[in-house]
Full PDB file with SEQRES, HELIX, SHEET, SSBOND, CRYST1, ORIGX, SCALE, CONECT and MASTER records, all heavy atoms in Angstrom:
SEQRES   1 A   33  LEU TYR LEU ALA GLY GLY ILE VAL ALA LYS ASN ILE ASP          
SEQRES   2 A   33  TYR PHE GLN LYS SER PRO VAL PHE MET ARG TYR PHE GLU          
SEQRES   3 A   33  SER SER TYR ARG LYS ASN MET                                  
HELIX    1 AA1 GLY A    6  LYS A   10  1                                   5    
HELIX    2 AA2 ILE A   12  GLN A   16  1                                   5    
HELIX    3 AA3 VAL A   20  PHE A   25  1                                   6    
CRYST1    1.000    1.000    1.000  90.00  90.00  90.00 P 1           1          
ORIGX1      1.000000  0.000000  0.000000        0.00000                         
ORIGX2      0.000000  1.000000  0.000000        0.00000                         
ORIGX3      0.000000  0.000000  1.000000        0.00000                         
SCALE1      1.000000  0.000000  0.000000        0.00000                         
SCALE2      0.000000  1.000000  0.000000        0.00000                         
SCALE3      0.000000  0.000000  1.000000        0.00000                         
ATOM      1  N   LEU A   1      15.096  45.645  -7.170  1.00  0.00           N  
ATOM      2  CA  LEU A   1      14.078  46.494  -6.529  1.00  0.00           C  
ATOM      3  C   LEU A   1      13.555  45.644  -5.403  1.00  0.00           C  
ATOM      4  O   LEU A   1      13.134  44.506  -5.569  1.00  0.00           O  
ATOM      5  CB  LEU A   1      12.944  46.782  -7.487  1.00  0.00           C  
ATOM      6  CG  LEU A   1      11.753  47.565  -6.922  1.00  0.00           C  
ATOM      7  CD1 LEU A   1      12.186  48.978  -6.573  1.00  0.00           C  
ATOM      8  CD2 LEU A   1      10.613  47.591  -7.899  1.00  0.00           C  
ATOM      9  N   TYR A   2      13.576  46.206  -4.212  1.00  0.00           N  
ATOM     10  CA  TYR A   2      13.287  45.459  -2.970  1.00  0.00           C  
ATOM     11  C   TYR A   2      12.023  46.036  -2.352  1.00  0.00           C  
ATOM     12  O   TYR A   2      11.897  47.235  -2.153  1.00  0.00           O  
ATOM     13  CB  TYR A   2      14.454  45.538  -2.010  1.00  0.00           C  
ATOM     14  CG  TYR A   2      15.666  44.849  -2.522  1.00  0.00           C  
ATOM     15  CD1 TYR A   2      16.545  45.446  -3.461  1.00  0.00           C  
ATOM     16  CD2 TYR A   2      15.980  43.500  -2.173  1.00  0.00           C  
ATOM     17  CE1 TYR A   2      17.625  44.815  -3.945  1.00  0.00           C  
ATOM     18  CE2 TYR A   2      17.068  42.858  -2.668  1.00  0.00           C  
ATOM     19  CZ  TYR A   2      17.888  43.494  -3.566  1.00  0.00           C  
ATOM     20  OH  TYR A   2      19.014  42.836  -4.111  1.00  0.00           O  
ATOM     21  N   LEU A   3      11.105  45.154  -1.953  1.00  0.00           N  
ATOM     22  CA  LEU A   3       9.857  45.542  -1.320  1.00  0.00           C  
ATOM     23  C   LEU A   3       9.986  45.291   0.194  1.00  0.00           C  
ATOM     24  O   LEU A   3      10.217  44.196   0.625  1.00  0.00           O  
ATOM     25  CB  LEU A   3       8.679  44.768  -1.866  1.00  0.00           C  
ATOM     26  CG  LEU A   3       8.512  44.738  -3.380  1.00  0.00           C  
ATOM     27  CD1 LEU A   3       7.227  43.976  -3.737  1.00  0.00           C  
ATOM     28  CD2 LEU A   3       8.489  46.133  -3.954  1.00  0.00           C  
ATOM     29  N   ALA A   4       9.882  46.369   0.985  1.00  0.00           N  
ATOM     30  CA  ALA A   4      10.069  46.282   2.410  1.00  0.00           C  
ATOM     31  C   ALA A   4       8.755  46.483   3.167  1.00  0.00           C  
ATOM     32  O   ALA A   4       7.782  46.851   2.541  1.00  0.00           O  
ATOM     33  CB  ALA A   4      11.098  47.306   2.896  1.00  0.00           C  
ATOM     34  N   GLY A   5       8.734  46.243   4.468  1.00  0.00           N  
ATOM     35  CA  GLY A   5       7.612  46.543   5.230  1.00  0.00           C  
ATOM     36  C   GLY A   5       6.769  45.275   5.591  1.00  0.00           C  
ATOM     37  O   GLY A   5       6.835  44.282   4.895  1.00  0.00           O  
ATOM     38  N   GLY A   6       6.014  45.435   6.671  1.00  0.00           N  
ATOM     39  CA  GLY A   6       5.284  44.256   7.180  1.00  0.00           C  
ATOM     40  C   GLY A   6       4.166  43.807   6.278  1.00  0.00           C  
ATOM     41  O   GLY A   6       3.820  42.621   6.235  1.00  0.00           O  
ATOM     42  N   ILE A   7       3.566  44.733   5.497  1.00  0.00           N  
ATOM     43  CA  ILE A   7       2.411  44.319   4.686  1.00  0.00           C  
ATOM     44  C   ILE A   7       2.817  43.310   3.659  1.00  0.00           C  
ATOM     45  O   ILE A   7       2.179  42.272   3.507  1.00  0.00           O  
ATOM     46  CB  ILE A   7       1.739  45.574   4.029  1.00  0.00           C  
ATOM     47  CG1 ILE A   7       1.169  46.487   5.103  1.00  0.00           C  
ATOM     48  CG2 ILE A   7       0.672  45.127   3.080  1.00  0.00           C  
ATOM     49  CD1 ILE A   7       0.644  47.805   4.517  1.00  0.00           C  
ATOM     50  N   VAL A   8       3.918  43.550   2.941  1.00  0.00           N  
ATOM     51  CA  VAL A   8       4.304  42.608   1.927  1.00  0.00           C  
ATOM     52  C   VAL A   8       4.848  41.303   2.574  1.00  0.00           C  
ATOM     53  O   VAL A   8       4.522  40.214   2.038  1.00  0.00           O  
ATOM     54  CB  VAL A   8       5.367  43.258   0.975  1.00  0.00           C  
ATOM     55  CG1 VAL A   8       6.660  43.572   1.741  1.00  0.00           C  
ATOM     56  CG2 VAL A   8       5.684  42.305  -0.174  1.00  0.00           C  
ATOM     57  N   ALA A   9       5.595  41.396   3.644  1.00  0.00           N  
ATOM     58  CA  ALA A   9       6.159  40.193   4.272  1.00  0.00           C  
ATOM     59  C   ALA A   9       5.061  39.268   4.842  1.00  0.00           C  
ATOM     60  O   ALA A   9       5.239  38.057   4.859  1.00  0.00           O  
ATOM     61  CB  ALA A   9       7.114  40.615   5.407  1.00  0.00           C  
ATOM     62  N   LYS A  10       3.931  39.853   5.241  1.00  0.00           N  
ATOM     63  CA  LYS A  10       2.870  39.053   5.771  1.00  0.00           C  
ATOM     64  C   LYS A  10       1.860  38.548   4.733  1.00  0.00           C  
ATOM     65  O   LYS A  10       0.990  37.766   5.055  1.00  0.00           O  
ATOM     66  CB  LYS A  10       2.091  39.891   6.874  1.00  0.00           C  
ATOM     67  CG  LYS A  10       2.920  40.192   8.106  1.00  0.00           C  
ATOM     68  CD  LYS A  10       2.168  41.151   8.979  1.00  0.00           C  
ATOM     69  CE  LYS A  10       3.020  41.520  10.186  1.00  0.00           C  
ATOM     70  NZ  LYS A  10       2.415  42.576  11.028  1.00  0.00           N  
ATOM     71  N   ASN A  11       2.015  39.018   3.520  1.00  0.00           N  
ATOM     72  CA  ASN A  11       1.127  38.653   2.403  1.00  0.00           C  
ATOM     73  C   ASN A  11       1.880  38.197   1.179  1.00  0.00           C  
ATOM     74  O   ASN A  11       1.509  38.556   0.087  1.00  0.00           O  
ATOM     75  CB  ASN A  11       0.168  39.834   2.067  1.00  0.00           C  
ATOM     76  CG  ASN A  11      -0.718  40.205   3.263  1.00  0.00           C  
ATOM     77  OD1 ASN A  11      -1.746  39.571   3.505  1.00  0.00           O  
ATOM     78  ND2 ASN A  11      -0.347  41.263   3.957  1.00  0.00           N  
ATOM     79  N   ILE A  12       2.907  37.389   1.371  1.00  0.00           N  
ATOM     80  CA  ILE A  12       3.798  37.023   0.289  1.00  0.00           C  
ATOM     81  C   ILE A  12       3.055  36.303  -0.827  1.00  0.00           C  
ATOM     82  O   ILE A  12       3.363  36.523  -2.014  1.00  0.00           O  
ATOM     83  CB  ILE A  12       4.974  36.144   0.844  1.00  0.00           C  
ATOM     84  CG1 ILE A  12       5.921  37.022   1.630  1.00  0.00           C  
ATOM     85  CG2 ILE A  12       5.683  35.398  -0.288  1.00  0.00           C  
ATOM     86  CD1 ILE A  12       7.088  36.251   2.215  1.00  0.00           C  
ATOM     87  N   ASP A  13       2.089  35.484  -0.478  1.00  0.00           N  
ATOM     88  CA  ASP A  13       1.375  34.721  -1.526  1.00  0.00           C  
ATOM     89  C   ASP A  13       0.730  35.627  -2.596  1.00  0.00           C  
ATOM     90  O   ASP A  13       0.669  35.251  -3.788  1.00  0.00           O  
ATOM     91  CB  ASP A  13       0.348  33.781  -0.933  1.00  0.00           C  
ATOM     92  CG  ASP A  13       0.941  32.565  -0.291  1.00  0.00           C  
ATOM     93  OD1 ASP A  13       2.215  32.367  -0.455  1.00  0.00           O  
ATOM     94  OD2 ASP A  13       0.207  31.756   0.313  1.00  0.00           O  
ATOM     95  N   TYR A  14       0.246  36.805  -2.148  1.00  0.00           N  
ATOM     96  CA  TYR A  14      -0.368  37.670  -3.086  1.00  0.00           C  
ATOM     97  C   TYR A  14       0.630  38.200  -4.114  1.00  0.00           C  
ATOM     98  O   TYR A  14       0.270  38.547  -5.280  1.00  0.00           O  
ATOM     99  CB  TYR A  14      -0.980  38.924  -2.367  1.00  0.00           C  
ATOM    100  CG  TYR A  14      -2.410  38.700  -1.879  1.00  0.00           C  
ATOM    101  CD1 TYR A  14      -2.636  38.613  -0.515  1.00  0.00           C  
ATOM    102  CD2 TYR A  14      -3.453  38.619  -2.755  1.00  0.00           C  
ATOM    103  CE1 TYR A  14      -3.953  38.405  -0.047  1.00  0.00           C  
ATOM    104  CE2 TYR A  14      -4.729  38.425  -2.300  1.00  0.00           C  
ATOM    105  CZ  TYR A  14      -5.028  38.319  -0.977  1.00  0.00           C  
ATOM    106  OH  TYR A  14      -6.306  38.155  -0.530  1.00  0.00           O  
ATOM    107  N   PHE A  15       1.904  38.259  -3.747  1.00  0.00           N  
ATOM    108  CA  PHE A  15       2.927  38.738  -4.640  1.00  0.00           C  
ATOM    109  C   PHE A  15       3.563  37.648  -5.484  1.00  0.00           C  
ATOM    110  O   PHE A  15       3.895  37.814  -6.616  1.00  0.00           O  
ATOM    111  CB  PHE A  15       4.015  39.483  -3.831  1.00  0.00           C  
ATOM    112  CG  PHE A  15       3.524  40.781  -3.156  1.00  0.00           C  
ATOM    113  CD1 PHE A  15       2.881  40.713  -1.988  1.00  0.00           C  
ATOM    114  CD2 PHE A  15       3.744  41.974  -3.825  1.00  0.00           C  
ATOM    115  CE1 PHE A  15       2.419  41.887  -1.408  1.00  0.00           C  
ATOM    116  CE2 PHE A  15       3.292  43.120  -3.227  1.00  0.00           C  
ATOM    117  CZ  PHE A  15       2.612  43.119  -1.989  1.00  0.00           C  
ATOM    118  N   GLN A  16       3.739  36.494  -4.798  1.00  0.00           N  
ATOM    119  CA  GLN A  16       4.486  35.418  -5.501  1.00  0.00           C  
ATOM    120  C   GLN A  16       3.560  34.490  -6.340  1.00  0.00           C  
ATOM    121  O   GLN A  16       3.968  34.068  -7.431  1.00  0.00           O  
ATOM    122  CB  GLN A  16       5.191  34.544  -4.472  1.00  0.00           C  
ATOM    123  CG  GLN A  16       6.550  35.051  -4.054  1.00  0.00           C  
ATOM    124  CD  GLN A  16       7.435  33.936  -3.583  1.00  0.00           C  
ATOM    125  OE1 GLN A  16       7.025  33.168  -2.686  1.00  0.00           O  
ATOM    126  NE2 GLN A  16       8.604  33.838  -4.166  1.00  0.00           N  
ATOM    127  N   LYS A  17       2.396  34.161  -5.850  1.00  0.00           N  
ATOM    128  CA  LYS A  17       1.536  33.207  -6.489  1.00  0.00           C  
ATOM    129  C   LYS A  17       0.476  33.769  -7.428  1.00  0.00           C  
ATOM    130  O   LYS A  17      -0.038  33.076  -8.232  1.00  0.00           O  
ATOM    131  CB  LYS A  17       0.880  32.292  -5.444  1.00  0.00           C  
ATOM    132  CG  LYS A  17       1.926  31.490  -4.611  1.00  0.00           C  
ATOM    133  CD  LYS A  17       1.243  30.561  -3.618  1.00  0.00           C  
ATOM    134  CE  LYS A  17       2.245  29.748  -2.825  1.00  0.00           C  
ATOM    135  NZ  LYS A  17       1.566  28.848  -1.834  1.00  0.00           N  
ATOM    136  N   SER A  18       0.207  35.056  -7.213  1.00  0.00           N  
ATOM    137  CA  SER A  18      -0.784  35.722  -8.066  1.00  0.00           C  
ATOM    138  C   SER A  18      -0.062  36.531  -9.166  1.00  0.00           C  
ATOM    139  O   SER A  18       0.985  37.122  -8.824  1.00  0.00           O  
ATOM    140  CB  SER A  18      -1.719  36.629  -7.220  1.00  0.00           C  
ATOM    141  OG  SER A  18      -2.418  37.526  -8.102  1.00  0.00           O  
ATOM    142  N   PRO A  19      -0.556  36.607 -10.360  1.00  0.00           N  
ATOM    143  CA  PRO A  19       0.134  37.365 -11.378  1.00  0.00           C  
ATOM    144  C   PRO A  19      -0.163  38.856 -11.335  1.00  0.00           C  
ATOM    145  O   PRO A  19       0.370  39.650 -12.127  1.00  0.00           O  
ATOM    146  CB  PRO A  19      -0.428  36.796 -12.678  1.00  0.00           C  
ATOM    147  CG  PRO A  19      -1.848  36.337 -12.295  1.00  0.00           C  
ATOM    148  CD  PRO A  19      -1.718  35.873 -10.878  1.00  0.00           C  
ATOM    149  N   VAL A  20      -1.053  39.301 -10.416  1.00  0.00           N  
ATOM    150  CA  VAL A  20      -1.561  40.672 -10.400  1.00  0.00           C  
ATOM    151  C   VAL A  20      -0.405  41.661 -10.209  1.00  0.00           C  
ATOM    152  O   VAL A  20      -0.298  42.662 -11.012  1.00  0.00           O  
ATOM    153  CB  VAL A  20      -2.600  40.890  -9.278  1.00  0.00           C  
ATOM    154  CG1 VAL A  20      -2.904  42.373  -9.147  1.00  0.00           C  
ATOM    155  CG2 VAL A  20      -3.826  40.048  -9.576  1.00  0.00           C  
ATOM    156  N   PHE A  21       0.490  41.469  -9.251  1.00  0.00           N  
ATOM    157  CA  PHE A  21       1.523  42.444  -8.965  1.00  0.00           C  
ATOM    158  C   PHE A  21       2.404  42.624 -10.219  1.00  0.00           C  
ATOM    159  O   PHE A  21       2.653  43.734 -10.669  1.00  0.00           O  
ATOM    160  CB  PHE A  21       2.399  41.995  -7.779  1.00  0.00           C  
ATOM    161  CG  PHE A  21       3.622  42.867  -7.547  1.00  0.00           C  
ATOM    162  CD1 PHE A  21       3.505  43.998  -6.772  1.00  0.00           C  
ATOM    163  CD2 PHE A  21       4.840  42.566  -8.162  1.00  0.00           C  
ATOM    164  CE1 PHE A  21       4.583  44.820  -6.552  1.00  0.00           C  
ATOM    165  CE2 PHE A  21       5.966  43.358  -7.932  1.00  0.00           C  
ATOM    166  CZ  PHE A  21       5.824  44.508  -7.165  1.00  0.00           C  
ATOM    167  N   MET A  22       2.902  41.514 -10.755  1.00  0.00           N  
ATOM    168  CA  MET A  22       3.818  41.597 -11.888  1.00  0.00           C  
ATOM    169  C   MET A  22       3.172  42.075 -13.170  1.00  0.00           C  
ATOM    170  O   MET A  22       3.802  42.748 -13.992  1.00  0.00           O  
ATOM    171  CB  MET A  22       4.527  40.284 -12.112  1.00  0.00           C  
ATOM    172  CG  MET A  22       5.852  40.100 -11.457  1.00  0.00           C  
ATOM    173  SD  MET A  22       7.001  41.423 -11.926  1.00  0.00           S  
ATOM    174  CE  MET A  22       8.295  41.148 -10.676  1.00  0.00           C  
ATOM    175  N   ARG A  23       1.905  41.752 -13.345  1.00  0.00           N  
ATOM    176  CA  ARG A  23       1.201  42.215 -14.534  1.00  0.00           C  
ATOM    177  C   ARG A  23       1.176  43.763 -14.569  1.00  0.00           C  
ATOM    178  O   ARG A  23       1.414  44.348 -15.579  1.00  0.00           O  
ATOM    179  CB  ARG A  23      -0.177  41.629 -14.568  1.00  0.00           C  
ATOM    180  CG  ARG A  23      -0.872  41.726 -15.948  1.00  0.00           C  
ATOM    181  CD  ARG A  23      -2.045  40.807 -16.105  1.00  0.00           C  
ATOM    182  NE  ARG A  23      -3.088  41.099 -15.087  1.00  0.00           N  
ATOM    183  CZ  ARG A  23      -3.619  40.190 -14.260  1.00  0.00           C  
ATOM    184  NH1 ARG A  23      -3.198  38.942 -14.299  1.00  0.00           N  
ATOM    185  NH2 ARG A  23      -4.517  40.533 -13.405  1.00  0.00           N  
ATOM    186  N   TYR A  24       0.899  44.362 -13.381  1.00  0.00           N  
ATOM    187  CA  TYR A  24       0.867  45.822 -13.319  1.00  0.00           C  
ATOM    188  C   TYR A  24       2.280  46.371 -13.308  1.00  0.00           C  
ATOM    189  O   TYR A  24       2.541  47.458 -13.868  1.00  0.00           O  
ATOM    190  CB  TYR A  24       0.122  46.263 -12.079  1.00  0.00           C  
ATOM    191  CG  TYR A  24      -1.381  46.329 -12.253  1.00  0.00           C  
ATOM    192  CD1 TYR A  24      -2.178  45.174 -12.110  1.00  0.00           C  
ATOM    193  CD2 TYR A  24      -2.011  47.550 -12.670  1.00  0.00           C  
ATOM    194  CE1 TYR A  24      -3.531  45.240 -12.314  1.00  0.00           C  
ATOM    195  CE2 TYR A  24      -3.352  47.569 -12.854  1.00  0.00           C  
ATOM    196  CZ  TYR A  24      -4.142  46.461 -12.684  1.00  0.00           C  
ATOM    197  OH  TYR A  24      -5.472  46.521 -12.919  1.00  0.00           O  
ATOM    198  N   PHE A  25       3.254  45.678 -12.701  1.00  0.00           N  
ATOM    199  CA  PHE A  25       4.660  46.131 -12.700  1.00  0.00           C  
ATOM    200  C   PHE A  25       5.206  46.246 -14.110  1.00  0.00           C  
ATOM    201  O   PHE A  25       5.860  47.254 -14.407  1.00  0.00           O  
ATOM    202  CB  PHE A  25       5.511  45.124 -11.885  1.00  0.00           C  
ATOM    203  CG  PHE A  25       6.960  45.440 -11.839  1.00  0.00           C  
ATOM    204  CD1 PHE A  25       7.453  46.370 -10.938  1.00  0.00           C  
ATOM    205  CD2 PHE A  25       7.855  44.897 -12.701  1.00  0.00           C  
ATOM    206  CE1 PHE A  25       8.781  46.713 -10.899  1.00  0.00           C  
ATOM    207  CE2 PHE A  25       9.210  45.196 -12.662  1.00  0.00           C  
ATOM    208  CZ  PHE A  25       9.667  46.124 -11.765  1.00  0.00           C  
ATOM    209  N   GLU A  26       4.935  45.287 -14.959  1.00  0.00           N  
ATOM    210  CA  GLU A  26       5.498  45.283 -16.290  1.00  0.00           C  
ATOM    211  C   GLU A  26       4.753  46.136 -17.290  1.00  0.00           C  
ATOM    212  O   GLU A  26       5.203  46.343 -18.406  1.00  0.00           O  
ATOM    213  CB  GLU A  26       5.542  43.849 -16.787  1.00  0.00           C  
ATOM    214  CG  GLU A  26       6.448  42.933 -16.029  1.00  0.00           C  
ATOM    215  CD  GLU A  26       6.443  41.488 -16.581  1.00  0.00           C  
ATOM    216  OE1 GLU A  26       5.688  41.233 -17.528  1.00  0.00           O  
ATOM    217  OE2 GLU A  26       7.175  40.668 -16.044  1.00  0.00           O  
ATOM    218  N   SER A  27       3.587  46.685 -16.888  1.00  0.00           N  
ATOM    219  CA  SER A  27       2.744  47.424 -17.845  1.00  0.00           C  
ATOM    220  C   SER A  27       3.296  48.790 -18.146  1.00  0.00           C  
ATOM    221  O   SER A  27       3.692  49.570 -17.278  1.00  0.00           O  
ATOM    222  CB  SER A  27       1.340  47.559 -17.223  1.00  0.00           C  
ATOM    223  OG  SER A  27       0.505  48.288 -18.102  1.00  0.00           O  
ATOM    224  N   SER A  28       3.376  49.087 -19.474  1.00  0.00           N  
ATOM    225  CA  SER A  28       3.803  50.446 -19.865  1.00  0.00           C  
ATOM    226  C   SER A  28       3.176  50.698 -21.222  1.00  0.00           C  
ATOM    227  O   SER A  28       2.885  49.795 -22.016  1.00  0.00           O  
ATOM    228  CB  SER A  28       5.327  50.539 -20.001  1.00  0.00           C  
ATOM    229  OG  SER A  28       5.712  51.750 -20.609  1.00  0.00           O  
ATOM    230  N   TYR A  29       2.990  51.978 -21.532  1.00  0.00           N  
ATOM    231  CA  TYR A  29       2.450  52.322 -22.849  1.00  0.00           C  
ATOM    232  C   TYR A  29       3.499  52.198 -23.983  1.00  0.00           C  
ATOM    233  O   TYR A  29       3.184  52.206 -25.144  1.00  0.00           O  
ATOM    234  CB  TYR A  29       1.912  53.790 -22.807  1.00  0.00           C  
ATOM    235  CG  TYR A  29       2.998  54.852 -22.918  1.00  0.00           C  
ATOM    236  CD1 TYR A  29       3.111  55.632 -24.076  1.00  0.00           C  
ATOM    237  CD2 TYR A  29       3.901  55.114 -21.879  1.00  0.00           C  
ATOM    238  CE1 TYR A  29       4.091  56.612 -24.172  1.00  0.00           C  
ATOM    239  CE2 TYR A  29       4.848  56.063 -21.981  1.00  0.00           C  
ATOM    240  CZ  TYR A  29       4.943  56.815 -23.095  1.00  0.00           C  
ATOM    241  OH  TYR A  29       5.943  57.791 -23.193  1.00  0.00           O  
ATOM    242  N   ARG A  30       4.785  51.982 -23.554  1.00  0.00           N  
ATOM    243  CA  ARG A  30       5.858  51.807 -24.540  1.00  0.00           C  
ATOM    244  C   ARG A  30       6.402  50.392 -24.378  1.00  0.00           C  
ATOM    245  O   ARG A  30       6.800  49.913 -23.298  1.00  0.00           O  
ATOM    246  CB  ARG A  30       7.001  52.785 -24.250  1.00  0.00           C  
ATOM    247  CG  ARG A  30       6.643  54.225 -24.441  1.00  0.00           C  
ATOM    248  CD  ARG A  30       6.498  54.604 -25.927  1.00  0.00           C  
ATOM    249  NE  ARG A  30       7.727  54.486 -26.667  1.00  0.00           N  
ATOM    250  CZ  ARG A  30       8.621  55.481 -26.774  1.00  0.00           C  
ATOM    251  NH1 ARG A  30       8.366  56.690 -26.265  1.00  0.00           N  
ATOM    252  NH2 ARG A  30       9.728  55.273 -27.461  1.00  0.00           N  
ATOM    253  N   LYS A  31       6.465  49.641 -25.476  1.00  0.00           N  
ATOM    254  CA  LYS A  31       6.908  48.256 -25.502  1.00  0.00           C  
ATOM    255  C   LYS A  31       8.333  48.150 -24.996  1.00  0.00           C  
ATOM    256  O   LYS A  31       8.692  47.193 -24.271  1.00  0.00           O  
ATOM    257  CB  LYS A  31       6.778  47.664 -26.861  1.00  0.00           C  
ATOM    258  CG  LYS A  31       7.086  46.158 -26.918  1.00  0.00           C  
ATOM    259  CD  LYS A  31       6.896  45.600 -28.372  1.00  0.00           C  
ATOM    260  CE  LYS A  31       7.047  44.077 -28.370  1.00  0.00           C  
ATOM    261  NZ  LYS A  31       8.440  43.713 -27.966  1.00  0.00           N  
ATOM    262  N   ASN A  32       9.193  49.105 -25.396  1.00  0.00           N  
ATOM    263  CA  ASN A  32      10.556  48.991 -24.938  1.00  0.00           C  
ATOM    264  C   ASN A  32      10.718  49.222 -23.431  1.00  0.00           C  
ATOM    265  O   ASN A  32      11.647  48.676 -22.809  1.00  0.00           O  
ATOM    266  CB  ASN A  32      11.464  49.992 -25.720  1.00  0.00           C  
ATOM    267  CG  ASN A  32      11.019  51.427 -25.552  1.00  0.00           C  
ATOM    268  OD1 ASN A  32       9.878  51.736 -25.294  1.00  0.00           O  
ATOM    269  ND2 ASN A  32      11.994  52.339 -25.718  1.00  0.00           N  
ATOM    270  N   MET A  33       9.793  49.990 -22.843  1.00  0.00           N  
ATOM    271  CA  MET A  33       9.817  50.173 -21.385  1.00  0.00           C  
ATOM    272  C   MET A  33       9.336  48.904 -20.658  1.00  0.00           C  
ATOM    273  O   MET A  33       9.871  48.519 -19.643  1.00  0.00           O  
ATOM    274  CB  MET A  33       8.945  51.359 -20.978  1.00  0.00           C  
ATOM    275  CG  MET A  33       9.496  52.707 -21.424  1.00  0.00           C  
ATOM    276  SD  MET A  33      11.083  53.109 -20.708  1.00  0.00           S  
ATOM    277  CE  MET A  33      12.199  52.771 -22.133  1.00  0.00           C  
TER     278      MET A  33                                                      
MASTER        0    0    0    3    0    0    0    6  277    1    0    3          
END                                                                             
């Protein structure tokens, strides 16, 4: 899954160094999901 666009490219630290993005990415009401 690829994130494109200037917003993400200019704010990489928010995505790589903070757990916020991945915490929400992995969240699901189903454990298997």
